[in-house]
């Protein structure tokens, strides 16, 4: 089993389309609180969102990546 594409899975920070899971649907209140200055309406794809979050504030982005790593660990168990 490969754990690729974790950025394209809904999580506690954002949701993606159930079938076109590269499509960003919306930020959760948790992500809005973490990045209050970000306008999430500008994003259509999850990868673009993640790239922008990382560029804006790498320290805060570590919380998002920690969630993705945790999801990966659960999938690989």
C-alpha atoms as a PDB file:
ATOM      1  CA  UNK A   1       0.000   0.000   0.000  1.00  0.00           C
ATOM      2  CA  UNK A   2       1.296   3.446  -0.887  1.00  0.00           C
ATOM      3  CA  UNK A   3       0.388   6.552   1.077  1.00  0.00           C
ATOM      4  CA  UNK A   4       0.685   9.063  -1.696  1.00  0.00           C
ATOM      5  CA  UNK A   5      -1.619  11.977  -2.192  1.00  0.00           C
ATOM      6  CA  UNK A   6      -2.340  12.641   1.455  1.00  0.00           C
ATOM      7  CA  UNK A   7      -2.695  16.313   0.585  1.00  0.00           C
ATOM      8  CA  UNK A   8      -5.776  15.313  -1.399  1.00  0.00           C
ATOM      9  CA  UNK A   9      -7.646  13.840   1.562  1.00  0.00           C
ATOM     10  CA  UNK A  10     -10.075  15.791   3.703  1.00  0.00           C
ATOM     11  CA  UNK A  11      -8.718  16.395   7.197  1.00  0.00           C
ATOM     12  CA  UNK A  12      -9.212  18.676  10.186  1.00  0.00           C
ATOM     13  CA  UNK A  13      -7.866  21.665   8.232  1.00  0.00           C
ATOM     14  CA  UNK A  14      -9.715  21.482   4.912  1.00  0.00           C
ATOM     15  CA  UNK A  15     -12.113  19.410   2.842  1.00  0.00           C
ATOM     16  CA  UNK A  16     -11.750  18.148  -0.701  1.00  0.00           C
ATOM     17  CA  UNK A  17     -14.270  16.935  -3.264  1.00  0.00           C
ATOM     18  CA  UNK A  18     -15.247  13.289  -2.642  1.00  0.00           C
ATOM     19  CA  UNK A  19     -14.583  12.160  -6.229  1.00  0.00           C
ATOM     20  CA  UNK A  20     -12.263  14.844  -7.595  1.00  0.00           C
ATOM     21  CA  UNK A  21     -10.178  14.876  -4.458  1.00  0.00           C
ATOM     22  CA  UNK A  22      -7.574  17.250  -5.851  1.00  0.00           C
ATOM     23  CA  UNK A  23     -10.294  19.938  -5.666  1.00  0.00           C
ATOM     24  CA  UNK A  24     -10.243  22.081  -2.550  1.00  0.00           C
ATOM     25  CA  UNK A  25     -13.766  22.674  -1.203  1.00  0.00           C
ATOM     26  CA  UNK A  26     -13.168  24.742   1.891  1.00  0.00           C
ATOM     27  CA  UNK A  27     -11.175  25.555   4.976  1.00  0.00           C
ATOM     28  CA  UNK A  28     -12.327  24.401   8.388  1.00  0.00           C
ATOM     29  CA  UNK A  29     -12.567  26.802  11.327  1.00  0.00           C
ATOM     30  CA  UNK A  30      -9.275  25.339  12.572  1.00  0.00           C
ATOM     31  CA  UNK A  31      -7.411  26.385   9.401  1.00  0.00           C
ATOM     32  CA  UNK A  32      -9.146  29.781   9.349  1.00  0.00           C
ATOM     33  CA  UNK A  33      -7.957  30.369  12.916  1.00  0.00           C
ATOM     34  CA  UNK A  34      -4.419  29.286  12.036  1.00  0.00           C
ATOM     35  CA  UNK A  35      -4.288  31.568   8.956  1.00  0.00           C
ATOM     36  CA  UNK A  36      -6.706  34.446   9.671  1.00  0.00           C
ATOM     37  CA  UNK A  37      -5.121  36.641   6.974  1.00  0.00           C
ATOM     38  CA  UNK A  38      -5.667  34.085   4.179  1.00  0.00           C
ATOM     39  CA  UNK A  39      -8.527  34.372   1.682  1.00  0.00           C
ATOM     40  CA  UNK A  40      -9.403  30.751   0.974  1.00  0.00           C
ATOM     41  CA  UNK A  41     -11.777  31.581  -1.880  1.00  0.00           C
ATOM     42  CA  UNK A  42      -8.764  31.955  -4.180  1.00  0.00           C
ATOM     43  CA  UNK A  43      -7.991  28.225  -4.151  1.00  0.00           C
ATOM     44  CA  UNK A  44      -9.378  25.481  -6.377  1.00  0.00           C
ATOM     45  CA  UNK A  45      -6.763  22.776  -5.755  1.00  0.00           C
ATOM     46  CA  UNK A  46      -5.384  21.320  -2.520  1.00  0.00           C
ATOM     47  CA  UNK A  47      -1.742  21.424  -3.655  1.00  0.00           C
ATOM     48  CA  UNK A  48      -1.993  25.115  -4.524  1.00  0.00           C
ATOM     49  CA  UNK A  49      -3.467  25.759  -1.075  1.00  0.00           C
ATOM     50  CA  UNK A  50      -0.663  23.875   0.669  1.00  0.00           C
ATOM     51  CA  UNK A  51       2.032  25.629  -1.337  1.00  0.00           C
ATOM     52  CA  UNK A  52       0.558  29.033  -0.443  1.00  0.00           C
ATOM     53  CA  UNK A  53       0.215  28.158   3.245  1.00  0.00           C
ATOM     54  CA  UNK A  54       3.829  27.039   3.356  1.00  0.00           C
ATOM     55  CA  UNK A  55       5.066  30.190   1.627  1.00  0.00           C
ATOM     56  CA  UNK A  56       3.071  32.448   3.936  1.00  0.00           C
ATOM     57  CA  UNK A  57       4.129  30.985   7.285  1.00  0.00           C
ATOM     58  CA  UNK A  58       6.298  27.893   7.465  1.00  0.00           C
ATOM     59  CA  UNK A  59       6.038  27.599  11.269  1.00  0.00           C
ATOM     60  CA  UNK A  60       2.267  27.532  11.208  1.00  0.00           C
ATOM     61  CA  UNK A  61       2.364  25.206   8.204  1.00  0.00           C
ATOM     62  CA  UNK A  62       4.175  22.634  10.341  1.00  0.00           C
ATOM     63  CA  UNK A  63       0.841  22.028  12.128  1.00  0.00           C
ATOM     64  CA  UNK A  64      -0.765  21.122   8.806  1.00  0.00           C
ATOM     65  CA  UNK A  65       2.083  18.818   7.790  1.00  0.00           C
ATOM     66  CA  UNK A  66       2.038  17.168  11.211  1.00  0.00           C
ATOM     67  CA  UNK A  67      -1.619  16.258  10.578  1.00  0.00           C
ATOM     68  CA  UNK A  68      -0.756  14.799   7.163  1.00  0.00           C
ATOM     69  CA  UNK A  69       2.116  12.784   8.640  1.00  0.00           C
ATOM     70  CA  UNK A  70      -0.189  11.496  11.370  1.00  0.00           C
ATOM     71  CA  UNK A  71      -2.729  10.418   8.754  1.00  0.00           C
ATOM     72  CA  UNK A  72       0.028   8.637   6.848  1.00  0.00           C
ATOM     73  CA  UNK A  73       1.125   6.772   9.977  1.00  0.00           C
ATOM     74  CA  UNK A  74      -2.444   5.621  10.597  1.00  0.00           C
ATOM     75  CA  UNK A  75      -2.821   4.384   7.018  1.00  0.00           C
ATOM     76  CA  UNK A  76       0.429   2.448   7.144  1.00  0.00           C
ATOM     77  CA  UNK A  77      -0.407   0.582  10.358  1.00  0.00           C
END
